[in-house]
Every structure is written in C-alpha cells, then in structure tokens.
Amino acid sequence: MEKELSVYLEKLGKNISKIREKKKMTQYKLAKEIFADQSNLARIESGKVNPTIKTLLKISTVLKCNVKDLVDF
C-alpha cells in the first residue's frame, strides 16, 4: 500500500509541475499565491508530501484548472 501511495504522489506532483510550467509560473509564485512555503510546494511536486484536499483546491484555483486535472493519472 505504501509503495502504491508513493507512485500516486509522484504522479500528482508531476501533474502539478507540468500544469504550473505550462502556465509559465514559478514554484515561488504558486507557493505565494496559495500561502505556502516554496519548499513545501517543492516537496509536493517531488511526491514526498501528501497534500490535503484544501491545498489541491488552492493549487487548482490558482492554476485555473480542475482538481481532476491534477489527479488525472
């Protein structure tokens, strides 16, 4: 189960990073917009942190996408 979770977290992080880069936004800017530390966003994007639904909602709002787009793997 733990291994499966880490695979999903990595895919989630890659999706967030890909969408953020497509919008030409830096980690720093996204982190600032969602009121988080850039280091925490970096851990999310690298799949080391399991973000809350609230954090995913904030990210999707700033990136102007659906939460579904973030977790679509």
N, C-alpha and C. Protein backbone atom coordinates (compact mmCIF):
# COMPACT_ATOMS: atom_id res chain seq x y z
N MET A 1 0.83 -1.20 0.00
CA MET A 1 0.00 0.00 0.00
C MET A 1 0.87 1.26 0.00
N GLU A 2 1.91 1.27 0.83
CA GLU A 2 2.78 2.44 0.91
C GLU A 2 3.47 2.72 -0.42
N LYS A 3 3.88 1.66 -1.11
CA LYS A 3 4.53 1.83 -2.41
C LYS A 3 3.55 2.41 -3.42
N GLU A 4 2.31 1.92 -3.42
CA GLU A 4 1.29 2.45 -4.33
C GLU A 4 1.05 3.93 -4.07
N LEU A 5 1.00 4.31 -2.79
CA LEU A 5 0.77 5.70 -2.44
C LEU A 5 1.90 6.58 -2.98
N SER A 6 3.13 6.13 -2.83
CA SER A 6 4.25 6.94 -3.31
C SER A 6 4.22 7.11 -4.82
N VAL A 7 3.76 6.08 -5.54
CA VAL A 7 3.64 6.19 -7.00
C VAL A 7 2.59 7.25 -7.35
N TYR A 8 1.46 7.23 -6.66
CA TYR A 8 0.41 8.21 -6.91
C TYR A 8 0.86 9.63 -6.56
N LEU A 9 1.58 9.76 -5.45
CA LEU A 9 2.05 11.08 -5.05
C LEU A 9 3.05 11.65 -6.06
N GLU A 10 3.89 10.78 -6.61
CA GLU A 10 4.84 11.22 -7.64
C GLU A 10 4.10 11.68 -8.90
N LYS A 11 3.08 10.93 -9.29
CA LYS A 11 2.30 11.31 -10.48
C LYS A 11 1.55 12.62 -10.24
N LEU A 12 0.99 12.78 -9.06
CA LEU A 12 0.31 14.01 -8.70
C LEU A 12 1.27 15.19 -8.78
N GLY A 13 2.44 15.03 -8.19
CA GLY A 13 3.45 16.09 -8.21
C GLY A 13 3.87 16.45 -9.62
N LYS A 14 4.05 15.45 -10.47
CA LYS A 14 4.44 15.71 -11.86
C LYS A 14 3.33 16.46 -12.59
N ASN A 15 2.08 16.11 -12.34
CA ASN A 15 0.96 16.81 -12.97
C ASN A 15 0.92 18.28 -12.54
N ILE A 16 1.10 18.52 -11.25
CA ILE A 16 1.09 19.89 -10.74
C ILE A 16 2.22 20.68 -11.40
N SER A 17 3.40 20.10 -11.41
CA SER A 17 4.56 20.76 -12.00
C SER A 17 4.35 21.06 -13.49
N LYS A 18 3.83 20.07 -14.21
CA LYS A 18 3.60 20.23 -15.65
C LYS A 18 2.60 21.35 -15.93
N ILE A 19 1.50 21.37 -15.19
CA ILE A 19 0.48 22.40 -15.39
C ILE A 19 1.03 23.77 -15.00
N ARG A 20 1.77 23.80 -13.88
CA ARG A 20 2.36 25.07 -13.44
C ARG A 20 3.32 25.63 -14.49
N GLU A 21 4.17 24.77 -15.02
CA GLU A 21 5.14 25.21 -16.03
C GLU A 21 4.44 25.63 -17.33
N LYS A 22 3.37 24.93 -17.67
CA LYS A 22 2.59 25.29 -18.86
C LYS A 22 2.02 26.71 -18.72
N LYS A 23 1.68 27.07 -17.49
CA LYS A 23 1.15 28.41 -17.21
C LYS A 23 2.27 29.43 -17.01
N LYS A 24 3.52 28.98 -17.19
CA LYS A 24 4.71 29.84 -17.04
C LYS A 24 4.78 30.48 -15.65
N MET A 25 4.53 29.64 -14.64
CA MET A 25 4.55 30.10 -13.26
C MET A 25 5.68 29.40 -12.51
N THR A 26 6.38 30.12 -11.69
CA THR A 26 7.45 29.52 -10.88
C THR A 26 6.85 28.86 -9.64
N GLN A 27 7.63 27.97 -9.03
CA GLN A 27 7.20 27.38 -7.76
C GLN A 27 7.00 28.47 -6.73
N TYR A 28 7.91 29.42 -6.71
CA TYR A 28 7.82 30.51 -5.73
C TYR A 28 6.50 31.27 -5.87
N LYS A 29 6.14 31.62 -7.11
CA LYS A 29 4.90 32.38 -7.34
C LYS A 29 3.67 31.57 -6.95
N LEU A 30 3.63 30.29 -7.35
CA LEU A 30 2.48 29.46 -6.98
C LEU A 30 2.40 29.31 -5.47
N ALA A 31 3.52 29.07 -4.83
CA ALA A 31 3.53 28.92 -3.37
C ALA A 31 3.00 30.18 -2.70
N LYS A 32 3.44 31.33 -3.18
CA LYS A 32 2.98 32.61 -2.63
C LYS A 32 1.48 32.76 -2.80
N GLU A 33 0.97 32.39 -3.97
CA GLU A 33 -0.47 32.52 -4.26
C GLU A 33 -1.33 31.59 -3.39
N ILE A 34 -0.79 30.43 -2.99
CA ILE A 34 -1.57 29.51 -2.16
C ILE A 34 -1.20 29.63 -0.68
N PHE A 35 -0.39 30.65 -0.36
CA PHE A 35 0.01 30.92 1.02
C PHE A 35 0.76 29.73 1.64
N ALA A 36 1.74 29.23 0.89
CA ALA A 36 2.57 28.11 1.35
C ALA A 36 4.04 28.46 1.14
N ASP A 37 4.90 27.71 1.79
CA ASP A 37 6.34 27.87 1.56
C ASP A 37 6.71 27.22 0.25
N GLN A 38 7.67 27.82 -0.46
CA GLN A 38 8.14 27.24 -1.71
C GLN A 38 8.71 25.85 -1.48
N SER A 39 9.37 25.65 -0.34
CA SER A 39 9.95 24.34 -0.05
C SER A 39 8.87 23.27 0.11
N ASN A 40 7.73 23.64 0.66
CA ASN A 40 6.63 22.69 0.80
C ASN A 40 6.05 22.33 -0.57
N LEU A 41 5.90 23.33 -1.44
CA LEU A 41 5.42 23.07 -2.79
C LEU A 41 6.41 22.17 -3.54
N ALA A 42 7.68 22.39 -3.34
CA ALA A 42 8.70 21.55 -3.98
C ALA A 42 8.57 20.10 -3.51
N ARG A 43 8.27 19.90 -2.23
CA ARG A 43 8.07 18.53 -1.71
C ARG A 43 6.82 17.90 -2.30
N ILE A 44 5.76 18.70 -2.50
CA ILE A 44 4.54 18.19 -3.13
C ILE A 44 4.84 17.76 -4.56
N GLU A 45 5.53 18.63 -5.31
CA GLU A 45 5.83 18.34 -6.70
C GLU A 45 6.79 17.17 -6.87
N SER A 46 7.60 16.90 -5.86
CA SER A 46 8.51 15.76 -5.95
C SER A 46 7.89 14.47 -5.40
N GLY A 47 6.65 14.56 -4.93
CA GLY A 47 5.95 13.37 -4.46
C GLY A 47 6.30 12.94 -3.05
N LYS A 48 6.90 13.83 -2.28
CA LYS A 48 7.32 13.49 -0.92
C LYS A 48 6.29 13.85 0.13
N VAL A 49 5.28 14.63 -0.27
CA VAL A 49 4.25 15.08 0.67
C VAL A 49 2.88 14.76 0.09
N ASN A 50 1.99 14.33 0.95
CA ASN A 50 0.60 14.06 0.57
C ASN A 50 -0.22 15.32 0.87
N PRO A 51 -0.51 16.13 -0.16
CA PRO A 51 -1.23 17.38 0.10
C PRO A 51 -2.68 17.14 0.49
N THR A 52 -3.22 18.07 1.25
CA THR A 52 -4.63 17.97 1.65
C THR A 52 -5.51 18.36 0.46
N ILE A 53 -6.76 18.01 0.57
CA ILE A 53 -7.74 18.42 -0.45
C ILE A 53 -7.78 19.95 -0.52
N LYS A 54 -7.71 20.60 0.62
CA LYS A 54 -7.73 22.06 0.67
C LYS A 54 -6.56 22.64 -0.14
N THR A 55 -5.38 22.05 0.00
CA THR A 55 -4.22 22.51 -0.75
C THR A 55 -4.41 22.27 -2.25
N LEU A 56 -4.94 21.11 -2.61
CA LEU A 56 -5.20 20.83 -4.02
C LEU A 56 -6.21 21.81 -4.60
N LEU A 57 -7.22 22.17 -3.82
CA LEU A 57 -8.21 23.16 -4.28
C LEU A 57 -7.56 24.53 -4.50
N LYS A 58 -6.68 24.92 -3.59
CA LYS A 58 -5.97 26.19 -3.75
C LYS A 58 -5.10 26.16 -5.00
N ILE A 59 -4.36 25.07 -5.19
CA ILE A 59 -3.48 24.95 -6.36
C ILE A 59 -4.31 25.01 -7.64
N SER A 60 -5.39 24.25 -7.69
CA SER A 60 -6.21 24.23 -8.90
C SER A 60 -6.84 25.59 -9.18
N THR A 61 -7.23 26.30 -8.14
CA THR A 61 -7.81 27.63 -8.32
C THR A 61 -6.79 28.59 -8.94
N VAL A 62 -5.58 28.60 -8.39
CA VAL A 62 -4.54 29.50 -8.90
C VAL A 62 -4.12 29.11 -10.32
N LEU A 63 -4.04 27.80 -10.59
CA LEU A 63 -3.64 27.34 -11.92
C LEU A 63 -4.80 27.35 -12.91
N LYS A 64 -5.98 27.71 -12.43
CA LYS A 64 -7.19 27.77 -13.28
C LYS A 64 -7.44 26.44 -13.99
N CYS A 65 -7.47 25.40 -13.17
CA CYS A 65 -7.78 24.07 -13.69
C CYS A 65 -8.66 23.37 -12.65
N ASN A 66 -9.10 22.18 -12.96
CA ASN A 66 -9.89 21.39 -12.02
C ASN A 66 -8.96 20.50 -11.20
N VAL A 67 -9.39 20.16 -9.99
CA VAL A 67 -8.63 19.22 -9.18
C VAL A 67 -8.45 17.92 -9.97
N LYS A 68 -9.46 17.56 -10.76
CA LYS A 68 -9.39 16.36 -11.58
C LYS A 68 -8.16 16.38 -12.48
N ASP A 69 -7.82 17.55 -13.01
CA ASP A 69 -6.65 17.67 -13.87
C ASP A 69 -5.36 17.34 -13.11
N LEU A 70 -5.33 17.65 -11.83
CA LEU A 70 -4.16 17.38 -11.02
C LEU A 70 -4.01 15.89 -10.72
N VAL A 71 -5.14 15.22 -10.53
CA VAL A 71 -5.10 13.81 -10.13
C VAL A 71 -5.43 12.86 -11.28
N ASP A 72 -5.39 13.36 -12.50
CA ASP A 72 -5.71 12.55 -13.68
C ASP A 72 -4.49 11.74 -14.10
N PHE A 73 -4.40 10.53 -13.57
CA PHE A 73 -3.33 9.62 -13.98
C PHE A 73 -3.92 8.27 -14.09
